[in-house]
Amino acid sequence: MSDMNDDIEPRRVIWLDDPISGASMEMEVYLEMEVDGLLYALLVPMDLPAFVYRQADADGGFELVEGKALTQLRKHIGDALKDWGIKAELRDGDLWLVGDPPDDFFEDCEGIEAETEEGAEEFAVLVQLETGDETFLVATPVVPELVPARLDAGRSRPLTDDELADLEETFRAALAQFDDDDFEEGR
């Protein structure tokens, strides 16, 4: 008898080293390719980046919460997510949700569109917090940020601007092929 999980490949986790700050972050390999004998990849963070929005007006407008206000909400966010096995952490002023949520974690999430520096972006609302006076939404991008990186000896580093410019079309073609393969397999 075949197990349904036989087709699922294990997640490949690698460390991304930032040469400027010296910080390292655990990432998952989304796509890997070889170019001229060198390995490159598109990586996604293992932890979920999260954003908190405060209801700004009665018409349903929301504004991004940052700084001290975000720090004050971190514990409440963590409490709201702990039953899912997720912790809320602040790193350099950014909110990250740490843990491996179960498959059904995203099933009941509503979607919203929010303006970011890159334009309009879709978010999944993970938690709605009510403090009595205010309403907050904790959301994560529906499409994770892909980080182009060079792989070497089990670790990775972000590509320089010049490297990315040289490889951009190659990454686009690999992503298109990857998406086509996923569609054909019914993923």
C-alpha atoms as a PDB file:
ATOM      1  CA  MET A   1       0.000   0.000   0.000  1.00  0.00           C
ATOM      2  CA  SER A   2       1.392   3.389  -0.985  1.00  0.00           C
ATOM      3  CA  ASP A   3       1.463   6.280   1.449  1.00  0.00           C
ATOM      4  CA  MET A   4       0.080   9.558   0.031  1.00  0.00           C
ATOM      5  CA  ASN A   5       3.093  11.355   1.471  1.00  0.00           C
ATOM      6  CA  ASP A   6       5.497   9.369  -0.742  1.00  0.00           C
ATOM      7  CA  ASP A   7       5.191  12.077  -3.416  1.00  0.00           C
ATOM      8  CA  ILE A   8       6.000  14.950  -1.070  1.00  0.00           C
ATOM      9  CA  GLU A   9       9.638  15.947  -1.090  1.00  0.00           C
ATOM     10  CA  PRO A  10      11.204  17.058   2.185  1.00  0.00           C
ATOM     11  CA  ARG A  11      11.752  20.761   2.660  1.00  0.00           C
ATOM     12  CA  ARG A  12      15.316  21.786   1.910  1.00  0.00           C
ATOM     13  CA  VAL A  13      16.522  24.292   4.479  1.00  0.00           C
ATOM     14  CA  ILE A  14      19.655  26.378   4.091  1.00  0.00           C
ATOM     15  CA  TRP A  15      21.219  29.332   5.910  1.00  0.00           C
ATOM     16  CA  LEU A  16      21.328  32.695   4.144  1.00  0.00           C
ATOM     17  CA  ASP A  17      24.292  34.787   5.292  1.00  0.00           C
ATOM     18  CA  ASP A  18      24.092  38.556   4.925  1.00  0.00           C
ATOM     19  CA  PRO A  19      27.663  39.706   4.150  1.00  0.00           C
ATOM     20  CA  ILE A  20      26.881  43.287   5.220  1.00  0.00           C
ATOM     21  CA  SER A  21      25.257  42.702   8.614  1.00  0.00           C
ATOM     22  CA  GLY A  22      26.775  39.294   9.341  1.00  0.00           C
ATOM     23  CA  ALA A  23      23.313  37.984  10.285  1.00  0.00           C
ATOM     24  CA  SER A  24      22.081  34.575   9.142  1.00  0.00           C
ATOM     25  CA  MET A  25      18.522  33.462   8.489  1.00  0.00           C
ATOM     26  CA  GLU A  26      17.022  30.025   7.882  1.00  0.00           C
ATOM     27  CA  MET A  27      15.500  29.820   4.417  1.00  0.00           C
ATOM     28  CA  GLU A  28      13.764  27.178   2.348  1.00  0.00           C
ATOM     29  CA  VAL A  29      14.930  26.455  -1.193  1.00  0.00           C
ATOM     30  CA  TYR A  30      12.023  27.249  -3.500  1.00  0.00           C
ATOM     31  CA  LEU A  31      13.891  26.710  -6.767  1.00  0.00           C
ATOM     32  CA  GLU A  32      17.475  25.693  -7.505  1.00  0.00           C
ATOM     33  CA  MET A  33      19.443  25.892 -10.751  1.00  0.00           C
ATOM     34  CA  GLU A  34      22.979  25.517 -12.043  1.00  0.00           C
ATOM     35  CA  VAL A  35      24.521  28.166 -14.312  1.00  0.00           C
ATOM     36  CA  ASP A  36      28.083  27.849 -15.595  1.00  0.00           C
ATOM     37  CA  GLY A  37      28.911  25.293 -12.902  1.00  0.00           C
ATOM     38  CA  LEU A  38      27.641  27.486 -10.047  1.00  0.00           C
ATOM     39  CA  LEU A  39      24.509  26.842  -7.967  1.00  0.00           C
ATOM     40  CA  TYR A  40      21.854  29.533  -7.565  1.00  0.00           C
ATOM     41  CA  ALA A  41      18.481  29.459  -5.865  1.00  0.00           C
ATOM     42  CA  LEU A  42      15.363  31.370  -5.044  1.00  0.00           C
ATOM     43  CA  LEU A  43      14.796  31.156  -1.308  1.00  0.00           C
ATOM     44  CA  VAL A  44      11.799  31.881   0.916  1.00  0.00           C
ATOM     45  CA  PRO A  45      11.987  32.592   4.656  1.00  0.00           C
ATOM     46  CA  MET A  46      11.158  29.665   6.945  1.00  0.00           C
ATOM     47  CA  ASP A  47       9.417  32.127   9.263  1.00  0.00           C
ATOM     48  CA  LEU A  48       6.439  34.152   8.079  1.00  0.00           C
ATOM     49  CA  PRO A  49       6.891  37.904   7.743  1.00  0.00           C
ATOM     50  CA  ALA A  50       3.871  39.581   9.332  1.00  0.00           C
ATOM     51  CA  PHE A  51       2.403  43.057   9.295  1.00  0.00           C
ATOM     52  CA  VAL A  52      -0.038  44.613  11.731  1.00  0.00           C
ATOM     53  CA  TYR A  53      -2.683  47.062  10.568  1.00  0.00           C
ATOM     54  CA  ARG A  54      -4.765  49.300  12.872  1.00  0.00           C
ATOM     55  CA  GLN A  55      -8.284  50.274  11.882  1.00  0.00           C
ATOM     56  CA  ALA A  56      -7.874  53.983  11.201  1.00  0.00           C
ATOM     57  CA  ASP A  57     -11.475  54.994  10.532  1.00  0.00           C
ATOM     58  CA  ALA A  58     -15.069  53.754  10.651  1.00  0.00           C
ATOM     59  CA  ASP A  59     -15.050  53.246   6.873  1.00  0.00           C
ATOM     60  CA  GLY A  60     -12.706  50.261   7.236  1.00  0.00           C
ATOM     61  CA  GLY A  61      -9.443  52.031   6.402  1.00  0.00           C
ATOM     62  CA  PHE A  62      -6.314  50.567   8.001  1.00  0.00           C
ATOM     63  CA  GLU A  63      -2.833  51.909   8.671  1.00  0.00           C
ATOM     64  CA  LEU A  64       0.405  50.013   9.224  1.00  0.00           C
ATOM     65  CA  VAL A  65       1.546  49.691  12.853  1.00  0.00           C
ATOM     66  CA  GLU A  66       5.278  50.167  13.431  1.00  0.00           C
ATOM     67  CA  GLY A  67       7.793  50.983  16.157  1.00  0.00           C
ATOM     68  CA  LYS A  68       6.780  51.113  19.810  1.00  0.00           C
ATOM     69  CA  ALA A  69       3.118  50.314  19.070  1.00  0.00           C
ATOM     70  CA  LEU A  70       4.186  47.095  17.333  1.00  0.00           C
ATOM     71  CA  THR A  71       6.407  46.174  20.273  1.00  0.00           C
ATOM     72  CA  GLN A  72       3.465  46.637  22.644  1.00  0.00           C
ATOM     73  CA  LEU A  73       1.242  44.354  20.536  1.00  0.00           C
ATOM     74  CA  ARG A  74       3.787  41.536  20.094  1.00  0.00           C
ATOM     75  CA  LYS A  75       2.724  39.641  23.259  1.00  0.00           C
ATOM     76  CA  HIS A  76      -0.984  39.836  22.331  1.00  0.00           C
ATOM     77  CA  ILE A  77      -0.195  38.537  18.839  1.00  0.00           C
ATOM     78  CA  GLY A  78       1.831  35.680  20.295  1.00  0.00           C
ATOM     79  CA  ASP A  79      -0.997  34.799  22.689  1.00  0.00           C
ATOM     80  CA  ALA A  80      -3.503  34.745  19.810  1.00  0.00           C
ATOM     81  CA  LEU A  81      -1.303  32.389  17.757  1.00  0.00           C
ATOM     82  CA  LYS A  82       0.104  30.070  20.433  1.00  0.00           C
ATOM     83  CA  ASP A  83      -2.634  27.451  19.968  1.00  0.00           C
ATOM     84  CA  TRP A  84      -1.308  27.041  16.420  1.00  0.00           C
ATOM     85  CA  GLY A  85       2.243  26.511  17.726  1.00  0.00           C
ATOM     86  CA  ILE A  86       3.424  29.893  16.438  1.00  0.00           C
ATOM     87  CA  LYS A  87       5.441  32.535  18.289  1.00  0.00           C
ATOM     88  CA  ALA A  88       5.636  36.233  17.419  1.00  0.00           C
ATOM     89  CA  GLU A  89       9.176  37.676  17.321  1.00  0.00           C
ATOM     90  CA  LEU A  90      10.479  41.151  16.565  1.00  0.00           C
ATOM     91  CA  ARG A  91      13.732  41.322  14.584  1.00  0.00           C
ATOM     92  CA  ASP A  92      15.151  44.724  13.708  1.00  0.00           C
ATOM     93  CA  GLY A  93      11.688  46.263  14.024  1.00  0.00           C
ATOM     94  CA  ASP A  94      10.014  43.653  11.799  1.00  0.00           C
ATOM     95  CA  LEU A  95       7.457  41.106  13.008  1.00  0.00           C
ATOM     96  CA  TRP A  96       8.101  37.432  12.228  1.00  0.00           C
ATOM     97  CA  LEU A  97       5.872  34.457  13.014  1.00  0.00           C
ATOM     98  CA  VAL A  98       8.033  31.514  14.029  1.00  0.00           C
ATOM     99  CA  GLY A  99       6.880  27.922  13.924  1.00  0.00           C
ATOM    100  CA  ASP A 100       5.492  25.400  11.488  1.00  0.00           C
ATOM    101  CA  PRO A 101       1.709  25.899  11.366  1.00  0.00           C
ATOM    102  CA  PRO A 102      -0.520  22.944  10.515  1.00  0.00           C
ATOM    103  CA  ASP A 103      -1.873  22.631   6.973  1.00  0.00           C
ATOM    104  CA  ASP A 104      -5.308  23.973   7.954  1.00  0.00           C
ATOM    105  CA  PHE A 105      -3.854  27.170   9.472  1.00  0.00           C
ATOM    106  CA  PHE A 106      -4.537  29.224   6.323  1.00  0.00           C
ATOM    107  CA  GLU A 107      -7.909  27.661   5.407  1.00  0.00           C
ATOM    108  CA  ASP A 108     -10.151  30.233   7.106  1.00  0.00           C
ATOM    109  CA  CYS A 109      -7.970  33.288   6.475  1.00  0.00           C
ATOM    110  CA  GLU A 110      -9.632  36.208   4.749  1.00  0.00           C
ATOM    111  CA  GLY A 111      -7.727  38.121   2.119  1.00  0.00           C
ATOM    112  CA  ILE A 112      -7.091  41.849   2.014  1.00  0.00           C
ATOM    113  CA  GLU A 113      -5.242  44.139  -0.342  1.00  0.00           C
ATOM    114  CA  ALA A 114      -2.821  46.662   1.159  1.00  0.00           C
ATOM    115  CA  GLU A 115      -0.534  49.293  -0.316  1.00  0.00           C
ATOM    116  CA  THR A 116       3.168  48.580   0.135  1.00  0.00           C
ATOM    117  CA  GLU A 117       6.309  50.251  -1.179  1.00  0.00           C
ATOM    118  CA  GLU A 118       6.038  47.977  -4.236  1.00  0.00           C
ATOM    119  CA  GLY A 119       2.339  48.819  -4.820  1.00  0.00           C
ATOM    120  CA  ALA A 120      -0.837  46.883  -4.005  1.00  0.00           C
ATOM    121  CA  GLU A 121      -0.219  43.454  -2.480  1.00  0.00           C
ATOM    122  CA  GLU A 122      -2.502  40.613  -1.337  1.00  0.00           C
ATOM    123  CA  PHE A 123      -2.333  39.543   2.313  1.00  0.00           C
ATOM    124  CA  ALA A 124      -3.901  36.708   4.317  1.00  0.00           C
ATOM    125  CA  VAL A 125      -5.371  37.937   7.618  1.00  0.00           C
ATOM    126  CA  LEU A 126      -4.177  35.498  10.276  1.00  0.00           C
ATOM    127  CA  VAL A 127      -5.603  37.153  13.399  1.00  0.00           C
ATOM    128  CA  GLN A 128      -7.955  39.988  14.262  1.00  0.00           C
ATOM    129  CA  LEU A 129      -7.194  41.558  17.653  1.00  0.00           C
ATOM    130  CA  GLU A 130      -9.717  43.665  19.552  1.00  0.00           C
ATOM    131  CA  THR A 131      -8.308  45.774  22.394  1.00  0.00           C
ATOM    132  CA  GLY A 132     -11.615  47.407  23.317  1.00  0.00           C
ATOM    133  CA  ASP A 133     -10.762  50.736  21.708  1.00  0.00           C
ATOM    134  CA  GLU A 134      -9.027  49.536  18.576  1.00  0.00           C
ATOM    135  CA  THR A 135      -9.080  46.737  16.023  1.00  0.00           C
ATOM    136  CA  PHE A 136      -5.863  45.273  14.592  1.00  0.00           C
ATOM    137  CA  LEU A 137      -5.293  42.817  11.756  1.00  0.00           C
ATOM    138  CA  VAL A 138      -2.205  40.583  11.675  1.00  0.00           C
ATOM    139  CA  ALA A 139      -1.481  39.620   8.074  1.00  0.00           C
ATOM    140  CA  THR A 140       1.170  37.908   5.971  1.00  0.00           C
ATOM    141  CA  PRO A 141       1.784  38.258   2.222  1.00  0.00           C
ATOM    142  CA  VAL A 142      -0.042  35.649   0.135  1.00  0.00           C
ATOM    143  CA  VAL A 143       2.965  35.450  -2.194  1.00  0.00           C
ATOM    144  CA  PRO A 144       6.193  35.162  -0.194  1.00  0.00           C
ATOM    145  CA  GLU A 145       9.221  37.237  -1.109  1.00  0.00           C
ATOM    146  CA  LEU A 146      11.691  35.232  -3.166  1.00  0.00           C
ATOM    147  CA  VAL A 147      15.337  35.917  -2.345  1.00  0.00           C
ATOM    148  CA  PRO A 148      17.829  35.214  -5.169  1.00  0.00           C
ATOM    149  CA  ALA A 149      20.973  33.644  -3.726  1.00  0.00           C
ATOM    150  CA  ARG A 150      24.230  31.887  -4.583  1.00  0.00           C
ATOM    151  CA  LEU A 151      24.608  28.454  -2.935  1.00  0.00           C
ATOM    152  CA  ASP A 152      27.970  27.240  -1.698  1.00  0.00           C
ATOM    153  CA  ALA A 153      28.893  24.478   0.751  1.00  0.00           C
ATOM    154  CA  GLY A 154      25.466  24.196   2.376  1.00  0.00           C
ATOM    155  CA  ARG A 155      25.079  27.935   2.923  1.00  0.00           C
ATOM    156  CA  SER A 156      24.007  30.829   0.751  1.00  0.00           C
ATOM    157  CA  ARG A 157      24.400  34.563   0.269  1.00  0.00           C
ATOM    158  CA  PRO A 158      22.174  37.126  -1.447  1.00  0.00           C
ATOM    159  CA  LEU A 159      23.131  38.008  -4.991  1.00  0.00           C
ATOM    160  CA  THR A 160      24.723  41.357  -5.674  1.00  0.00           C
ATOM    161  CA  ASP A 161      22.826  43.775  -7.916  1.00  0.00           C
ATOM    162  CA  ASP A 162      25.184  42.946 -10.803  1.00  0.00           C
ATOM    163  CA  GLU A 163      24.756  39.188 -10.342  1.00  0.00           C
ATOM    164  CA  LEU A 164      20.984  39.575 -10.207  1.00  0.00           C
ATOM    165  CA  ALA A 165      20.967  41.691 -13.356  1.00  0.00           C
ATOM    166  CA  ASP A 166      23.015  39.020 -15.167  1.00  0.00           C
ATOM    167  CA  LEU A 167      20.734  36.176 -13.988  1.00  0.00           C
ATOM    168  CA  GLU A 168      17.311  37.839 -13.958  1.00  0.00           C
ATOM    169  CA  GLU A 169      16.121  36.365 -17.266  1.00  0.00           C
ATOM    170  CA  THR A 170      17.454  32.920 -16.304  1.00  0.00           C
ATOM    171  CA  PHE A 171      15.496  33.069 -13.019  1.00  0.00           C
ATOM    172  CA  ARG A 172      12.341  34.189 -14.866  1.00  0.00           C
ATOM    173  CA  ALA A 173      12.628  31.286 -17.313  1.00  0.00           C
ATOM    174  CA  ALA A 174      13.246  28.802 -14.486  1.00  0.00           C
ATOM    175  CA  LEU A 175      10.230  30.142 -12.560  1.00  0.00           C
ATOM    176  CA  ALA A 176       8.020  29.885 -15.642  1.00  0.00           C
ATOM    177  CA  GLN A 177       9.134  26.271 -16.175  1.00  0.00           C
ATOM    178  CA  PHE A 178       8.657  25.506 -12.457  1.00  0.00           C
ATOM    179  CA  ASP A 179       5.125  26.969 -12.526  1.00  0.00           C
ATOM    180  CA  ASP A 180       4.288  25.015 -15.701  1.00  0.00           C
ATOM    181  CA  ASP A 181       5.506  21.764 -14.086  1.00  0.00           C
ATOM    182  CA  ASP A 182       3.397  22.455 -10.966  1.00  0.00           C
ATOM    183  CA  PHE A 183       0.315  23.106 -13.114  1.00  0.00           C
ATOM    184  CA  GLU A 184       0.816  19.898 -15.125  1.00  0.00           C
ATOM    185  CA  GLU A 185       1.222  17.864 -11.915  1.00  0.00           C
ATOM    186  CA  GLY A 186      -1.970  19.382 -10.464  1.00  0.00           C
ATOM    187  CA  ARG A 187      -0.300  21.015  -7.495  1.00  0.00           C
END
